Structures are given as structure tokens and as C-alpha cells.
Amino acid sequence: MANSAIEFFTFHDGTTTVSNGNLMDVEQLSNIMNVFFKTTGTFTVIFEGQIEYQGDFYPVPAVNLSSMTFGTTASDATGIYQIDLSGWSYIRCRVSAITGSLTCKSKVVS
């Protein structure tokens, strides 16, 4: 890819509470994002996307690369999840349950 760069984005950085986390603008990025987690406890994350800024959020399917299964949530995961960004403007990883702390980041080619 000419003029491409790898971008990292932090959705959550050591969060210990239920929260929406940071919203990532993905309109100008490639079609695939990898999401990964570091945790000291247990958690449930819901992958969500927007088609327009300040619009409704919708479930975003992701594939768990360890088990090769699709879903819209990650629970107590240490693996990598891959999301197809086609058609999405913004992505978030909403924490709906947590004990301990959680860091959630992504890696994508821009």
C-alpha cells in the first residue's frame, strides 16, 4: 500500500468501570481492524458502530481469531478480534460488565 501507516487506538486504558470508552473515526481507514485486550479481571465488551456522527449505535460483528467464531461481544478474552470496517463511520468497544481493570486497543492500516 502506498503511503499507508499503521495506527493504534485506545478504546479503554485501565478502566475499572462500565463505560462507553473512546469513539474511533474509521471512515478513512482500511477495511480491517484488529482489537485486543489486557485485563486483570473479567469483562464483557460490546462492539458497536455508527453510520453517522451522533447517530444510533448498532452491533458490529467481529471474528475471534483464536476460535474463528463470529459475535458482537467479547468476554474475558485474551485473543484478537477482527472487525470489517466497511460502511462504518465510528467504532466503539463499550464495557457492559467488569471486575478488575481493562485496556482495549486496536491496530489498523490507514
N, C-alpha and C. Protein backbone atom coordinates (compact mmCIF):
# COMPACT_ATOMS: atom_id res chain seq x y z
N MET A 1 0.83 -1.18 0.00
CA MET A 1 0.00 0.00 0.00
C MET A 1 0.88 1.24 0.00
N ALA A 2 0.69 2.09 -0.95
CA ALA A 2 1.44 3.34 -0.99
C ALA A 2 0.92 4.29 0.08
N ASN A 3 1.85 4.95 0.76
CA ASN A 3 1.51 5.96 1.77
C ASN A 3 0.63 5.42 2.88
N SER A 4 0.76 4.15 3.24
CA SER A 4 -0.04 3.61 4.33
C SER A 4 0.77 3.66 5.62
N ALA A 5 0.04 3.67 6.72
CA ALA A 5 0.66 3.70 8.04
C ALA A 5 -0.18 2.84 8.98
N ILE A 6 0.46 2.29 9.97
CA ILE A 6 -0.25 1.52 10.99
C ILE A 6 -0.66 2.48 12.10
N GLU A 7 -1.92 2.42 12.47
CA GLU A 7 -2.43 3.27 13.55
C GLU A 7 -2.90 2.40 14.71
N PHE A 8 -2.55 2.84 15.91
CA PHE A 8 -3.06 2.22 17.13
C PHE A 8 -4.05 3.18 17.75
N PHE A 9 -5.10 2.65 18.37
CA PHE A 9 -6.11 3.48 19.02
C PHE A 9 -6.48 2.82 20.33
N THR A 10 -6.65 3.61 21.37
CA THR A 10 -7.03 3.10 22.69
C THR A 10 -8.50 3.40 22.96
N PHE A 11 -9.30 2.35 23.06
CA PHE A 11 -10.71 2.49 23.43
C PHE A 11 -10.85 2.67 24.95
N HIS A 12 -10.09 1.87 25.71
CA HIS A 12 -10.09 1.94 27.17
C HIS A 12 -8.66 1.75 27.64
N ASP A 13 -8.26 2.52 28.66
CA ASP A 13 -6.91 2.43 29.19
C ASP A 13 -6.96 2.21 30.69
N GLY A 14 -7.04 0.96 31.10
CA GLY A 14 -7.08 0.63 32.51
C GLY A 14 -8.41 0.94 33.18
N THR A 15 -9.50 0.93 32.42
CA THR A 15 -10.80 1.25 33.01
C THR A 15 -11.20 0.20 34.04
N THR A 16 -11.90 0.63 35.07
CA THR A 16 -12.40 -0.26 36.12
C THR A 16 -13.91 -0.15 36.27
N THR A 17 -14.56 0.61 35.36
CA THR A 17 -16.00 0.82 35.46
C THR A 17 -16.67 0.57 34.11
N VAL A 18 -17.97 0.33 34.16
CA VAL A 18 -18.77 0.22 32.95
C VAL A 18 -18.72 1.57 32.25
N SER A 19 -18.40 1.57 30.94
CA SER A 19 -18.29 2.84 30.22
C SER A 19 -18.30 2.62 28.71
N ASN A 20 -18.60 3.69 27.97
CA ASN A 20 -18.61 3.63 26.51
C ASN A 20 -17.22 3.62 25.92
N GLY A 21 -16.26 4.24 26.58
CA GLY A 21 -14.91 4.33 26.05
C GLY A 21 -14.79 5.36 24.95
N ASN A 22 -13.63 5.40 24.31
CA ASN A 22 -13.37 6.36 23.24
C ASN A 22 -14.00 5.90 21.93
N LEU A 23 -14.42 6.88 21.13
CA LEU A 23 -15.04 6.63 19.84
C LEU A 23 -13.99 6.83 18.75
N MET A 24 -13.80 5.82 17.90
CA MET A 24 -12.77 5.90 16.86
C MET A 24 -13.41 6.21 15.51
N ASP A 25 -12.89 7.25 14.85
CA ASP A 25 -13.32 7.61 13.50
C ASP A 25 -12.61 6.67 12.53
N VAL A 26 -13.39 5.86 11.80
CA VAL A 26 -12.80 4.85 10.92
C VAL A 26 -13.11 5.09 9.44
N GLU A 27 -13.69 6.22 9.10
CA GLU A 27 -14.10 6.47 7.72
C GLU A 27 -12.95 6.46 6.72
N GLN A 28 -11.77 6.90 7.12
CA GLN A 28 -10.63 7.00 6.20
C GLN A 28 -9.64 5.85 6.35
N LEU A 29 -10.05 4.79 7.03
CA LEU A 29 -9.14 3.68 7.30
C LEU A 29 -9.41 2.51 6.39
N SER A 30 -8.49 1.56 6.41
CA SER A 30 -8.66 0.35 5.60
C SER A 30 -9.87 -0.44 6.09
N ASN A 31 -10.13 -1.54 5.49
CA ASN A 31 -11.35 -2.28 5.79
C ASN A 31 -11.28 -3.20 7.00
N ILE A 32 -10.11 -3.43 7.56
CA ILE A 32 -9.98 -4.40 8.65
C ILE A 32 -9.31 -3.77 9.87
N MET A 33 -9.89 -4.02 11.05
CA MET A 33 -9.33 -3.56 12.33
C MET A 33 -9.15 -4.77 13.24
N ASN A 34 -8.02 -4.84 13.93
CA ASN A 34 -7.81 -5.85 14.96
C ASN A 34 -7.96 -5.19 16.32
N VAL A 35 -8.73 -5.84 17.21
CA VAL A 35 -8.97 -5.34 18.56
C VAL A 35 -8.39 -6.36 19.54
N PHE A 36 -7.67 -5.87 20.56
CA PHE A 36 -7.09 -6.77 21.54
C PHE A 36 -7.24 -6.19 22.94
N PHE A 37 -7.15 -7.07 23.94
CA PHE A 37 -7.45 -6.72 25.33
C PHE A 37 -6.32 -7.14 26.26
N LYS A 38 -6.19 -6.38 27.37
CA LYS A 38 -5.37 -6.77 28.51
C LYS A 38 -6.23 -6.53 29.73
N THR A 39 -6.31 -7.53 30.62
CA THR A 39 -7.20 -7.40 31.77
C THR A 39 -6.59 -8.03 33.02
N THR A 40 -7.05 -7.53 34.17
CA THR A 40 -6.66 -8.13 35.45
C THR A 40 -7.86 -8.82 36.09
N GLY A 41 -8.97 -8.88 35.38
CA GLY A 41 -10.19 -9.48 35.93
C GLY A 41 -11.04 -10.08 34.83
N THR A 42 -12.34 -9.83 34.93
CA THR A 42 -13.28 -10.31 33.93
C THR A 42 -14.04 -9.13 33.34
N PHE A 43 -14.56 -9.31 32.13
CA PHE A 43 -15.25 -8.21 31.47
C PHE A 43 -16.15 -8.72 30.37
N THR A 44 -17.05 -7.85 29.92
CA THR A 44 -17.81 -8.05 28.69
C THR A 44 -17.75 -6.75 27.91
N VAL A 45 -17.32 -6.84 26.67
CA VAL A 45 -17.25 -5.69 25.77
C VAL A 45 -18.22 -5.94 24.62
N ILE A 46 -18.98 -4.90 24.26
CA ILE A 46 -19.89 -4.97 23.12
C ILE A 46 -19.31 -4.11 22.01
N PHE A 47 -19.08 -4.70 20.84
CA PHE A 47 -18.59 -3.95 19.68
C PHE A 47 -19.77 -3.21 19.05
N GLU A 48 -19.63 -1.89 18.89
CA GLU A 48 -20.72 -1.07 18.35
C GLU A 48 -20.20 -0.07 17.34
N GLY A 49 -21.05 0.29 16.38
CA GLY A 49 -20.66 1.25 15.36
C GLY A 49 -21.76 2.24 15.05
N GLN A 50 -21.34 3.36 14.46
CA GLN A 50 -22.26 4.38 13.98
C GLN A 50 -22.04 4.57 12.49
N ILE A 51 -23.13 4.87 11.78
CA ILE A 51 -23.03 5.18 10.36
C ILE A 51 -22.81 6.67 10.17
N GLU A 52 -23.29 7.48 11.11
CA GLU A 52 -23.07 8.93 11.09
C GLU A 52 -22.80 9.40 12.50
N TYR A 53 -22.05 10.50 12.65
CA TYR A 53 -21.70 11.02 13.96
C TYR A 53 -22.96 11.43 14.71
N GLN A 54 -23.03 11.07 15.96
CA GLN A 54 -24.15 11.33 16.86
C GLN A 54 -25.42 10.61 16.44
N GLY A 55 -25.28 9.60 15.60
CA GLY A 55 -26.41 8.75 15.23
C GLY A 55 -26.54 7.60 16.21
N ASP A 56 -27.42 6.67 15.87
CA ASP A 56 -27.63 5.49 16.70
C ASP A 56 -26.43 4.55 16.60
N PHE A 57 -26.23 3.77 17.65
CA PHE A 57 -25.19 2.73 17.64
C PHE A 57 -25.84 1.39 17.28
N TYR A 58 -25.11 0.59 16.52
CA TYR A 58 -25.58 -0.73 16.08
C TYR A 58 -24.53 -1.77 16.42
N PRO A 59 -24.94 -3.02 16.67
CA PRO A 59 -23.96 -4.08 16.94
C PRO A 59 -23.05 -4.29 15.71
N VAL A 60 -21.78 -4.50 15.99
CA VAL A 60 -20.79 -4.74 14.93
C VAL A 60 -20.25 -6.16 15.10
N PRO A 61 -20.38 -7.00 14.08
CA PRO A 61 -19.84 -8.35 14.19
C PRO A 61 -18.32 -8.35 14.13
N ALA A 62 -17.74 -9.23 14.92
CA ALA A 62 -16.29 -9.40 14.94
C ALA A 62 -15.99 -10.89 14.97
N VAL A 63 -14.87 -11.26 14.39
CA VAL A 63 -14.46 -12.67 14.43
C VAL A 63 -13.34 -12.82 15.45
N ASN A 64 -13.50 -13.79 16.34
CA ASN A 64 -12.46 -14.14 17.30
C ASN A 64 -11.45 -14.98 16.54
N LEU A 65 -10.25 -14.47 16.37
CA LEU A 65 -9.25 -15.16 15.56
C LEU A 65 -8.72 -16.44 16.22
N SER A 66 -8.91 -16.58 17.52
CA SER A 66 -8.49 -17.81 18.20
C SER A 66 -9.44 -18.96 17.92
N SER A 67 -10.76 -18.67 17.97
CA SER A 67 -11.76 -19.73 17.78
C SER A 67 -12.43 -19.68 16.42
N MET A 68 -12.18 -18.61 15.64
CA MET A 68 -12.80 -18.40 14.33
C MET A 68 -14.33 -18.39 14.43
N THR A 69 -14.86 -17.76 15.50
CA THR A 69 -16.30 -17.61 15.68
C THR A 69 -16.67 -16.14 15.59
N PHE A 70 -17.89 -15.88 15.10
CA PHE A 70 -18.40 -14.52 14.99
C PHE A 70 -19.26 -14.18 16.20
N GLY A 71 -19.25 -12.90 16.56
CA GLY A 71 -20.11 -12.41 17.61
C GLY A 71 -20.02 -10.90 17.70
N THR A 72 -20.85 -10.31 18.52
CA THR A 72 -20.81 -8.85 18.72
C THR A 72 -20.28 -8.49 20.10
N THR A 73 -19.83 -9.49 20.86
CA THR A 73 -19.28 -9.24 22.18
C THR A 73 -17.98 -10.02 22.38
N ALA A 74 -17.20 -9.56 23.34
CA ALA A 74 -16.02 -10.29 23.80
C ALA A 74 -16.14 -10.37 25.31
N SER A 75 -15.92 -11.56 25.86
CA SER A 75 -15.99 -11.76 27.30
C SER A 75 -14.72 -12.44 27.79
N ASP A 76 -14.06 -11.80 28.71
CA ASP A 76 -12.88 -12.38 29.35
C ASP A 76 -11.87 -12.87 28.33
N ALA A 77 -11.74 -12.12 27.23
CA ALA A 77 -10.91 -12.55 26.11
C ALA A 77 -9.46 -12.11 26.28
N THR A 78 -8.58 -12.94 25.83
CA THR A 78 -7.18 -12.55 25.73
C THR A 78 -6.73 -12.62 24.28
N GLY A 79 -7.64 -12.98 23.39
CA GLY A 79 -7.32 -13.13 21.98
C GLY A 79 -7.48 -11.83 21.21
N ILE A 80 -7.45 -11.97 19.89
CA ILE A 80 -7.59 -10.84 18.98
C ILE A 80 -8.91 -10.99 18.23
N TYR A 81 -9.64 -9.91 18.11
CA TYR A 81 -10.88 -9.88 17.36
C TYR A 81 -10.67 -9.02 16.12
N GLN A 82 -11.25 -9.44 15.00
CA GLN A 82 -11.10 -8.70 13.76
C GLN A 82 -12.47 -8.18 13.31
N ILE A 83 -12.51 -6.87 12.96
CA ILE A 83 -13.75 -6.20 12.58
C ILE A 83 -13.61 -5.68 11.15
N ASP A 84 -14.64 -5.93 10.34
CA ASP A 84 -14.72 -5.37 9.00
C ASP A 84 -15.30 -3.96 9.13
N LEU A 85 -14.54 -2.95 8.71
CA LEU A 85 -14.94 -1.55 8.87
C LEU A 85 -15.81 -1.02 7.73
N SER A 86 -16.06 -1.84 6.71
CA SER A 86 -16.82 -1.39 5.55
C SER A 86 -18.18 -0.83 5.97
N GLY A 87 -18.46 0.41 5.57
CA GLY A 87 -19.74 1.03 5.83
C GLY A 87 -19.88 1.74 7.16
N TRP A 88 -18.93 1.57 8.06
CA TRP A 88 -18.99 2.22 9.37
C TRP A 88 -18.24 3.55 9.35
N SER A 89 -18.75 4.51 10.13
CA SER A 89 -18.06 5.79 10.30
C SER A 89 -17.29 5.84 11.61
N TYR A 90 -17.86 5.25 12.66
CA TYR A 90 -17.26 5.27 14.01
C TYR A 90 -17.45 3.92 14.66
N ILE A 91 -16.46 3.52 15.46
CA ILE A 91 -16.49 2.26 16.21
C ILE A 91 -16.17 2.56 17.67
N ARG A 92 -16.87 1.85 18.57
CA ARG A 92 -16.50 1.87 19.99
C ARG A 92 -16.58 0.46 20.53
N CYS A 93 -15.92 0.24 21.65
CA CYS A 93 -15.94 -1.04 22.36
C CYS A 93 -16.49 -0.74 23.75
N ARG A 94 -17.80 -0.89 23.91
CA ARG A 94 -18.48 -0.49 25.15
C ARG A 94 -18.34 -1.58 26.20
N VAL A 95 -17.85 -1.21 27.38
CA VAL A 95 -17.73 -2.14 28.50
C VAL A 95 -19.08 -2.19 29.21
N SER A 96 -19.70 -3.38 29.21
CA SER A 96 -21.01 -3.53 29.86
C SER A 96 -20.93 -4.23 31.21
N ALA A 97 -19.79 -4.88 31.50
CA ALA A 97 -19.57 -5.52 32.79
C ALA A 97 -18.07 -5.63 33.00
N ILE A 98 -17.63 -5.44 34.26
CA ILE A 98 -16.19 -5.51 34.52
C ILE A 98 -15.90 -5.74 36.00
N THR A 99 -14.87 -6.56 36.26
CA THR A 99 -14.20 -6.63 37.55
C THR A 99 -12.72 -6.49 37.23
N GLY A 100 -11.97 -5.84 38.08
CA GLY A 100 -10.56 -5.59 37.79
C GLY A 100 -10.41 -4.43 36.84
N SER A 101 -9.38 -4.45 36.00
CA SER A 101 -9.16 -3.36 35.06
C SER A 101 -9.04 -3.92 33.64
N LEU A 102 -9.30 -3.04 32.67
CA LEU A 102 -9.28 -3.46 31.27
C LEU A 102 -8.64 -2.39 30.40
N THR A 103 -7.76 -2.83 29.52
CA THR A 103 -7.24 -1.99 28.45
C THR A 103 -7.66 -2.64 27.14
N CYS A 104 -8.22 -1.82 26.27
CA CYS A 104 -8.73 -2.30 24.97
C CYS A 104 -8.18 -1.40 23.90
N LYS A 105 -7.43 -1.97 22.94
CA LYS A 105 -6.78 -1.19 21.89
C LYS A 105 -7.07 -1.82 20.53
N SER A 106 -6.82 -1.05 19.48
CA SER A 106 -6.95 -1.56 18.13
C SER A 106 -5.73 -1.21 17.31
N LYS A 107 -5.57 -1.97 16.23
CA LYS A 107 -4.50 -1.73 15.27
C LYS A 107 -5.13 -1.81 13.89
N VAL A 108 -4.86 -0.79 13.05
CA VAL A 108 -5.47 -0.73 11.73
C VAL A 108 -4.50 -0.04 10.77
N VAL A 109 -4.58 -0.37 9.50
CA VAL A 109 -3.77 0.29 8.48
C VAL A 109 -4.58 1.47 7.91
N SER A 110 -3.93 2.64 7.86
CA SER A 110 -4.64 3.81 7.32
C SER A 110 -4.14 4.10 5.92
